[in-house]
Amino acid sequence: MSARLSSRKTAAALRTSARVSAELLLVLVMAAVALWVLGRMWSVVWPLIVGLFLTTLTWPLTRFLRRHGWRPALAASVVTVLFLLVAVGVAALIAVPVASQSGELTDGVVDGIAKLREWAAGPPLNIGDDQITKALDSGVARLQGSIGSITSTVVTGVSTVFNGVVTAVLALFLMFFFLKDGPRFLPWLTRQLPGRLATDIPTVAARSWDTLSAFVRSQALVGLLDAVFIGLGLWIVGVPLVLPLAVLTFVSAFVPIVGALFAGLVAVLIALVSNGLTDALIVLAIIIVVQQLEGNVFQPIIQSRGLGLHAAMVLVAVALGGNLAGVVGSLLAVPVAALIAVVWNYVREQLSDPPPAPTADDPAAVPS
């Protein structure tokens, strides 16, 4: 004989479900409003985020100088200037060798195009010069027809470059002030907040800073592994410009997805114009293997240990961030997930009941 449903318990369950659903909906609405406000303020928020990343990267040296008697302003100034010199040096390390061999690379590109035409003219394609000329004429006509969209794309690109320069300058100034006055922030924040917030928010902020520092260190380690393995592969194959390509790979590792694609494309192109198609395919295989190891092994393991996140959560966060906000979402997905975990762990600590005190009847309380 089956038991009958209790109307009282069913109504109570429905009321509880409705209340929880309404509260969850309210939380989602508030989150959507916060994201909308963040998007409206993105031109200010993005330099702030970049400045924080740069600060976590340069703070250990600043802290070392301050502990050895340097004044905060002097230590921040010296570290900022050193960072600029290193950035300029890295750019020169990449640009100067490429510029010195630009003539050889240009000749290689021309020879490569000629070889491709010879290969296309032979079997199995048997594409004649008249067909190639017709295809080129068609491409030129299409290019002329798209001149308006190309112009708008160029203008957009110039605007993007300008915005990038402005962001870099603002981030650099913010980095200087963070390095100079960063240790004063938490005491100042404690004095501004009332009641329990004066304890909770500074504690969460300190833990978030530690987590952000761990993210930057882990990302640098992943980039270093990429640069070492890809650089070693390029050196074995005999591709020129190994050191600039390795440096470019390391720097590009801080920009997920697009950075790896860009560095890999440059390496394959140089291998193609310098060593030929076979070596270019070998370099492409090396880059694919290393990038797969990075995305599926190195990055999840290293970041999961440094950030306290499971490797699967790192993969899910990167995929979700990329789908929601593209490259920027991929870049910020892991630190945002780690910061959410920090807040959740702190809230759970505050809401958890303290462990019961041991009693005389408890065997664990009796000393052995």
Foldseek 3Di string as FASTA:
>chain_A
DDDDDDPVVVVVVVVVVVVVVVVVVVVVVVVVVVVVVCVVCVLPVVLVVLLLLVLLVQQVQLVVVVVVPDALLVSLVVSLVVVVVVVVVLVCLQPVVCVVCVVLLVVLVVVLVVVVVVVCCDPPNVQDPVNVVVVVVVVVVVCVVCVVVVVVVVVVVVVVVVSVVVSVVSSSVSNSCCSRCVVVVLVVQLVVDDDPCSPPVSVLVVVLSQLSSLVSVLLLVLLLQLLVQLLVQCVVLPQPSSVSLSSQSSVLSLFPPVSLVVSLVVSLSSCCSPPHDVSSVSSNVSSVVSVCCSLQPSNLVSSCVSLVHHSVQLNVQLVVLCVVPNRVRNNCRSSVVSSVVSSVVSVCVVPDDDDDDDDPPDPVPDDD
